[in-house]
Amino acid sequence: MKLLRILGWVARHGSALLAASIVAGVALAPLAAALRPVVAPTVALLMTLVLLRIDPIEMLGWLRRPLLVLGLSAWVLLACPLAVFAITRAAGLDGPLGAGLVLAAAACSAVSAPAFARLVGLDAEISLVVSVATTALLPFTAPPLALGLLGLELAISMPGLMLRLLLIVGLPAALAFVLRRVLGQPRLERLAPAVDGSVVLILVVFAFGVMDGVQARLLADPLWVMAGLALALLGNLGLNGLTVLALWPFGTRLALAAGMLAGNRNQALFLAVLPAATDPGVLLFFAIGQVPLFLSPVLLRPLYRRIARPH
């Protein structure tokens, strides 16, 4: 019972713990290096626990707006990366930062989107459906888009990237399905705070591991790191704002929820599946990209609550 209370406390203070773990991961370079090999397993475990909290029967009921779900999924997975690719080409932004920004825009929505949407009073229902839909579709959209149409150099073949994404998404989904059948809905509901707390702890471990190499690059080339951080923040907020403006006529809460889905992407999946031969700058950009992702709940919460408040 004491462990359950601790995990419940961790879940309630998740935003602060995640923000602190990013800073600590940069500061404690030896610990970050030691945890780097567990990044891929933590991503798979995180996906399993997040999917474990989703009731598939309830999900089917939420699919009563299929055109909206498909439209938002197409916007997130296709329109956004194409728009970012066009902007980076027009701005002459190539190399690892440009490739990283485009690939980040091709990622699925962060699985934390529904929890954040519920926290600030946005449309949590559509956030959940679209985040799950884009995660399921990612293995079929990102490889042909990134390696085929856009021609990014990622040191991996299209079938290879597709297979790795299918495994990192499909295996956790299958395991979550089995666990739901074994544990049953009543027990899962009782364990919900513990599962949420475990998700936060896994994210803390992931944040440490993914920051491996950031301190060394920061000391050797601080301008590159600052440029990468600024670009990651611009990509996050830019896609968020562009989506909000495009969907504003359809309602404030929906537009803000869609903006969050477009801005906050699950780049962790790419960190888990891209080979070690991938340009280190691309991988480092994904690591830096976790900063706006982890900090956005803290930074945007007051603004979202004010805008989404009923008048």
Protein backbone atom coordinates (compact mmCIF):
# COMPACT_ATOMS: atom_id res chain seq x y z
CA MET A 1 0.00 0.00 0.00
CA LYS A 2 2.88 2.36 0.76
CA LEU A 3 4.25 1.81 -2.75
CA LEU A 4 0.84 2.61 -4.24
CA ARG A 5 0.72 5.89 -2.27
CA ILE A 6 4.21 6.80 -3.48
CA LEU A 7 3.28 6.09 -7.10
CA GLY A 8 0.09 8.13 -6.68
CA TRP A 9 2.16 11.06 -5.40
CA VAL A 10 4.53 10.70 -8.36
CA ALA A 11 1.58 10.78 -10.77
CA ARG A 12 0.19 13.97 -9.18
CA HIS A 13 3.55 15.75 -9.49
CA GLY A 14 4.42 14.37 -12.91
CA SER A 15 4.91 17.68 -14.75
CA ALA A 16 7.44 19.02 -12.23
CA LEU A 17 9.33 15.72 -12.05
CA LEU A 18 9.61 15.49 -15.83
CA ALA A 19 10.86 19.06 -16.15
CA ALA A 20 13.44 18.44 -13.42
CA SER A 21 14.60 15.19 -15.02
CA ILE A 22 15.47 16.97 -18.27
CA VAL A 23 17.71 19.44 -16.43
CA ALA A 24 19.25 16.70 -14.29
CA GLY A 25 19.89 14.56 -17.35
CA VAL A 26 22.01 17.32 -18.88
CA ALA A 27 23.81 18.09 -15.61
CA LEU A 28 24.57 14.48 -14.63
CA ALA A 29 26.29 13.29 -17.81
CA PRO A 30 27.68 9.98 -16.40
CA LEU A 31 24.22 8.91 -15.25
CA ALA A 32 22.75 9.90 -18.63
CA ALA A 33 25.40 7.81 -20.41
CA ALA A 34 24.70 4.83 -18.14
CA LEU A 35 20.97 4.99 -18.90
CA ARG A 36 21.31 5.52 -22.68
CA PRO A 37 21.09 1.76 -23.49
CA VAL A 38 17.68 1.50 -21.78
CA VAL A 39 16.03 4.18 -23.95
CA ALA A 40 14.47 1.69 -26.39
CA PRO A 41 13.16 -0.65 -23.64
CA THR A 42 11.72 2.29 -21.69
CA VAL A 43 9.90 3.50 -24.80
CA ALA A 44 8.36 0.04 -25.29
CA LEU A 45 7.41 -0.22 -21.61
CA LEU A 46 5.96 3.28 -21.64
CA MET A 47 3.84 2.48 -24.69
CA THR A 48 2.58 -0.68 -22.95
CA LEU A 49 1.50 1.13 -19.78
CA VAL A 50 -0.12 4.01 -21.65
CA LEU A 51 -2.09 1.63 -23.88
CA LEU A 52 -2.99 -0.41 -20.80
CA ARG A 53 -4.90 2.61 -19.49
CA ILE A 54 -7.02 2.80 -22.66
CA ASP A 55 -10.25 0.82 -22.76
CA PRO A 56 -10.58 -0.53 -26.35
CA ILE A 57 -14.37 -0.84 -26.06
CA GLU A 58 -14.60 2.78 -24.98
CA MET A 59 -12.29 3.69 -27.86
CA LEU A 60 -14.73 2.16 -30.35
CA GLY A 61 -17.49 4.33 -28.92
CA TRP A 62 -15.32 7.40 -29.33
CA LEU A 63 -14.87 6.68 -33.03
CA ARG A 64 -18.30 8.11 -33.77
CA ARG A 65 -16.56 11.04 -35.48
CA PRO A 66 -14.49 9.10 -38.05
CA LEU A 67 -14.10 11.94 -40.55
CA LEU A 68 -12.81 14.27 -37.85
CA VAL A 69 -10.36 11.64 -36.59
CA LEU A 70 -9.10 10.86 -40.09
CA GLY A 71 -8.83 14.54 -40.97
CA LEU A 72 -6.82 15.41 -37.86
CA SER A 73 -4.62 12.32 -38.31
CA ALA A 74 -3.88 13.30 -41.91
CA TRP A 75 -3.08 16.84 -40.79
CA VAL A 76 -0.66 15.59 -38.11
CA LEU A 77 1.06 12.84 -40.11
CA LEU A 78 1.04 14.27 -43.66
CA ALA A 79 0.26 17.98 -43.89
CA CYS A 80 2.52 19.07 -41.03
CA PRO A 81 5.74 17.35 -42.18
CA LEU A 82 5.18 18.50 -45.77
CA ALA A 83 4.68 22.08 -44.57
CA VAL A 84 7.79 21.93 -42.37
CA PHE A 85 9.79 20.41 -45.22
CA ALA A 86 8.75 23.25 -47.54
CA ILE A 87 9.65 25.85 -44.90
CA THR A 88 13.07 24.34 -44.17
CA ARG A 89 13.88 24.17 -47.88
CA ALA A 90 12.77 27.77 -48.43
CA ALA A 91 14.87 28.89 -45.44
CA GLY A 92 17.91 26.92 -46.61
CA LEU A 93 17.90 24.87 -43.42
CA ASP A 94 19.53 21.54 -44.26
CA GLY A 95 21.82 19.20 -42.36
CA PRO A 96 20.87 17.39 -39.15
CA LEU A 97 18.80 20.22 -37.70
CA GLY A 98 16.63 20.50 -40.80
CA ALA A 99 16.25 16.72 -41.14
CA GLY A 100 15.48 16.40 -37.43
CA LEU A 101 12.82 19.09 -37.57
CA VAL A 102 11.08 17.50 -40.57
CA LEU A 103 11.19 14.02 -39.06
CA ALA A 104 9.87 15.36 -35.74
CA ALA A 105 6.94 16.85 -37.65
CA ALA A 106 6.29 13.41 -39.17
CA ALA A 107 6.05 11.73 -35.75
CA CYS A 108 2.77 10.69 -34.15
CA SER A 109 1.13 12.81 -31.47
CA ALA A 110 2.48 12.37 -27.95
CA VAL A 111 0.59 9.78 -25.92
CA SER A 112 0.49 12.25 -23.04
CA ALA A 113 -1.87 14.50 -25.04
CA PRO A 114 -5.16 13.18 -23.56
CA ALA A 115 -4.01 13.63 -19.95
CA PHE A 116 -2.86 17.19 -20.61
CA ALA A 117 -6.05 18.03 -22.51
CA ARG A 118 -8.15 16.81 -19.58
CA LEU A 119 -6.00 18.77 -17.15
CA VAL A 120 -6.60 22.11 -18.88
CA GLY A 121 -10.20 21.55 -19.93
CA LEU A 122 -9.71 20.79 -23.63
CA ASP A 123 -11.26 18.01 -25.74
CA ALA A 124 -9.63 14.97 -24.11
CA GLU A 125 -11.79 12.56 -26.10
CA ILE A 126 -10.57 13.62 -29.52
CA SER A 127 -7.02 13.97 -28.15
CA LEU A 128 -7.03 10.33 -27.09
CA VAL A 129 -8.50 9.00 -30.33
CA VAL A 130 -6.13 10.99 -32.57
CA SER A 131 -3.03 10.18 -30.50
CA VAL A 132 -3.83 6.46 -30.70
CA ALA A 133 -4.75 6.67 -34.40
CA THR A 134 -1.56 8.51 -35.37
CA THR A 135 0.52 6.06 -33.34
CA ALA A 136 -1.07 3.11 -35.16
CA LEU A 137 -0.62 4.75 -38.57
CA LEU A 138 2.95 5.99 -38.01
CA PRO A 139 4.76 2.86 -39.33
CA PHE A 140 2.92 3.28 -42.64
CA THR A 141 3.32 7.06 -43.06
CA ALA A 142 6.70 8.12 -41.67
CA PRO A 143 9.05 5.74 -43.56
CA PRO A 144 7.74 6.43 -47.10
CA LEU A 145 7.36 10.13 -46.32
CA ALA A 146 10.79 10.64 -44.73
CA LEU A 147 12.90 8.25 -46.82
CA GLY A 148 10.92 8.26 -50.05
CA LEU A 149 9.18 11.52 -50.80
CA LEU A 150 11.40 13.83 -48.74
CA GLY A 151 14.65 11.89 -49.22
CA LEU A 152 16.05 12.31 -45.69
CA GLU A 153 19.31 10.46 -44.96
CA LEU A 154 18.76 8.28 -41.88
CA ALA A 155 21.16 5.32 -42.41
CA ILE A 156 18.27 2.85 -42.62
CA SER A 157 16.14 1.43 -45.43
CA MET A 158 12.43 2.14 -45.77
CA PRO A 159 11.38 -1.47 -45.01
CA GLY A 160 13.80 -1.54 -42.08
CA LEU A 161 12.37 1.62 -40.52
CA MET A 162 8.82 0.44 -41.16
CA LEU A 163 9.51 -2.93 -39.48
CA ARG A 164 11.14 -1.33 -36.45
CA LEU A 165 8.24 1.09 -36.00
CA LEU A 166 5.74 -1.75 -36.36
CA LEU A 167 7.54 -3.67 -33.61
CA ILE A 168 7.87 -0.72 -31.21
CA VAL A 169 4.16 0.07 -31.65
CA GLY A 170 2.69 -3.40 -32.22
CA LEU A 171 4.38 -5.40 -29.45
CA PRO A 172 3.36 -3.01 -26.63
CA ALA A 173 -0.18 -2.92 -28.03
CA ALA A 174 -0.36 -6.73 -28.01
CA LEU A 175 1.09 -6.94 -24.49
CA ALA A 176 -1.33 -4.29 -23.21
CA PHE A 177 -4.23 -6.25 -24.72
CA VAL A 178 -3.13 -9.45 -22.97
CA LEU A 179 -2.61 -7.68 -19.63
CA ARG A 180 -6.08 -6.12 -19.85
CA ARG A 181 -7.60 -9.56 -20.35
CA VAL A 182 -5.62 -11.07 -17.46
CA LEU A 183 -6.07 -8.25 -14.93
CA GLY A 184 -9.64 -7.23 -15.77
CA GLN A 185 -11.16 -3.76 -15.80
CA PRO A 186 -12.01 -3.50 -12.05
CA ARG A 187 -8.44 -4.27 -10.99
CA LEU A 188 -7.02 -1.90 -13.61
CA GLU A 189 -9.20 0.91 -12.29
CA ARG A 190 -7.90 0.31 -8.76
CA LEU A 191 -4.32 0.29 -10.04
CA ALA A 192 -4.75 3.39 -12.24
CA PRO A 193 -2.81 5.81 -9.95
CA ALA A 194 0.01 3.27 -9.65
CA VAL A 195 0.15 2.83 -13.44
CA ASP A 196 0.19 6.60 -13.96
CA GLY A 197 2.96 6.98 -11.39
CA SER A 198 4.94 4.21 -13.07
CA VAL A 199 4.59 6.03 -16.40
CA VAL A 200 6.10 9.16 -14.86
CA LEU A 201 9.01 7.19 -13.35
CA ILE A 202 9.70 5.51 -16.69
CA LEU A 203 9.64 8.91 -18.38
CA VAL A 204 12.18 10.18 -15.84
CA VAL A 205 14.52 7.29 -16.69
CA PHE A 206 13.94 7.95 -20.40
CA ALA A 207 14.67 11.66 -19.94
CA PHE A 208 18.01 10.88 -18.32
CA GLY A 209 19.04 8.38 -20.99
CA VAL A 210 18.00 10.51 -23.92
CA MET A 211 20.09 13.45 -22.65
CA ASP A 212 23.29 11.46 -23.15
CA GLY A 213 25.71 13.57 -25.18
CA VAL A 214 23.86 16.85 -24.70
CA GLN A 215 26.22 18.15 -22.01
CA ALA A 216 29.30 17.37 -24.11
CA ARG A 217 27.83 19.10 -27.17
CA LEU A 218 26.68 22.02 -25.01
CA LEU A 219 30.22 22.56 -23.71
CA ALA A 220 31.85 22.04 -27.12
CA ASP A 221 29.35 23.95 -29.27
CA PRO A 222 26.81 25.87 -27.16
CA LEU A 223 25.52 27.84 -30.15
CA TRP A 224 24.52 24.62 -31.95
CA VAL A 225 22.63 23.39 -28.89
CA MET A 226 20.92 26.75 -28.41
CA ALA A 227 19.98 26.80 -32.10
CA GLY A 228 18.61 23.26 -31.83
CA LEU A 229 16.61 24.15 -28.72
CA ALA A 230 15.22 27.29 -30.36
CA LEU A 231 14.31 25.31 -33.48
CA ALA A 232 12.62 22.55 -31.45
CA LEU A 233 10.63 25.14 -29.50
CA LEU A 234 9.72 26.97 -32.71
CA GLY A 235 8.59 23.72 -34.33
CA ASN A 236 6.48 22.77 -31.31
CA LEU A 237 4.80 26.14 -30.86
CA GLY A 238 4.66 26.86 -34.60
CA LEU A 239 2.74 23.69 -35.48
CA ASN A 240 0.58 24.23 -32.42
CA GLY A 241 -0.29 27.80 -33.41
CA LEU A 242 -0.77 27.01 -37.11
CA THR A 243 -3.21 24.21 -36.27
CA VAL A 244 -5.15 26.36 -33.81
CA LEU A 245 -5.58 29.09 -36.43
CA ALA A 246 -6.63 26.59 -39.12
CA LEU A 247 -9.25 24.92 -36.89
CA TRP A 248 -10.44 27.93 -34.89
CA PRO A 249 -13.74 28.13 -36.86
CA PHE A 250 -14.60 24.61 -35.62
CA GLY A 251 -14.55 25.60 -31.95
CA THR A 252 -12.03 26.86 -29.41
CA ARG A 253 -11.62 23.66 -27.37
CA LEU A 254 -11.24 21.48 -30.46
CA ALA A 255 -8.76 23.88 -32.08
CA LEU A 256 -6.61 24.07 -28.94
CA ALA A 257 -6.66 20.29 -28.49
CA ALA A 258 -5.69 19.77 -32.14
CA GLY A 259 -2.90 22.34 -31.77
CA MET A 260 -1.48 20.44 -28.84
CA LEU A 261 -1.65 17.20 -30.86
CA ALA A 262 0.23 18.83 -33.75
CA GLY A 263 2.88 20.50 -31.58
CA ASN A 264 3.69 17.73 -29.11
CA ARG A 265 5.09 14.72 -30.97
CA ASN A 266 6.33 11.33 -29.81
CA GLN A 267 9.90 11.66 -31.07
CA ALA A 268 10.90 8.97 -28.58
CA LEU A 269 9.77 6.31 -31.06
CA PHE A 270 12.38 7.50 -33.56
CA LEU A 271 15.06 7.56 -30.86
CA ALA A 272 14.18 3.94 -30.11
CA VAL A 273 14.28 2.66 -33.70
CA LEU A 274 16.87 4.71 -35.60
CA PRO A 275 20.23 2.92 -35.94
CA ALA A 276 23.42 4.09 -34.24
CA ALA A 277 24.80 5.02 -37.68
CA THR A 278 22.21 7.81 -37.99
CA ASP A 279 23.75 11.30 -38.04
CA PRO A 280 24.46 12.11 -34.35
CA GLY A 281 23.10 15.61 -34.94
CA VAL A 282 19.67 14.21 -35.82
CA LEU A 283 19.57 12.04 -32.69
CA LEU A 284 20.78 14.95 -30.58
CA PHE A 285 18.05 17.17 -32.00
CA PHE A 286 15.45 14.60 -30.93
CA ALA A 287 16.98 14.65 -27.45
CA ILE A 288 16.80 18.44 -27.32
CA GLY A 289 13.26 18.23 -28.68
CA GLN A 290 12.17 16.57 -25.43
CA VAL A 291 12.68 19.89 -23.63
CA PRO A 292 9.68 21.75 -25.12
CA LEU A 293 7.65 18.54 -24.99
CA PHE A 294 8.26 18.04 -21.28
CA LEU A 295 8.00 21.74 -20.40
CA SER A 296 4.93 22.63 -22.48
CA PRO A 297 2.43 21.34 -19.87
CA VAL A 298 3.96 23.72 -17.33
CA LEU A 299 4.35 26.68 -19.71
CA LEU A 300 1.05 26.50 -21.59
CA ARG A 301 -1.32 25.41 -18.83
CA PRO A 302 -2.28 28.96 -17.69
CA LEU A 303 -2.77 30.16 -21.28
CA TYR A 304 -4.89 27.16 -22.28
CA ARG A 305 -7.06 27.46 -19.20
CA ARG A 306 -7.68 31.14 -19.87
CA ILE A 307 -8.52 30.72 -23.57
CA ALA A 308 -10.62 27.57 -23.11
CA ARG A 309 -12.57 28.98 -20.16
CA PRO A 310 -16.30 29.27 -20.99
CA HIS A 311 -17.40 32.88 -21.49
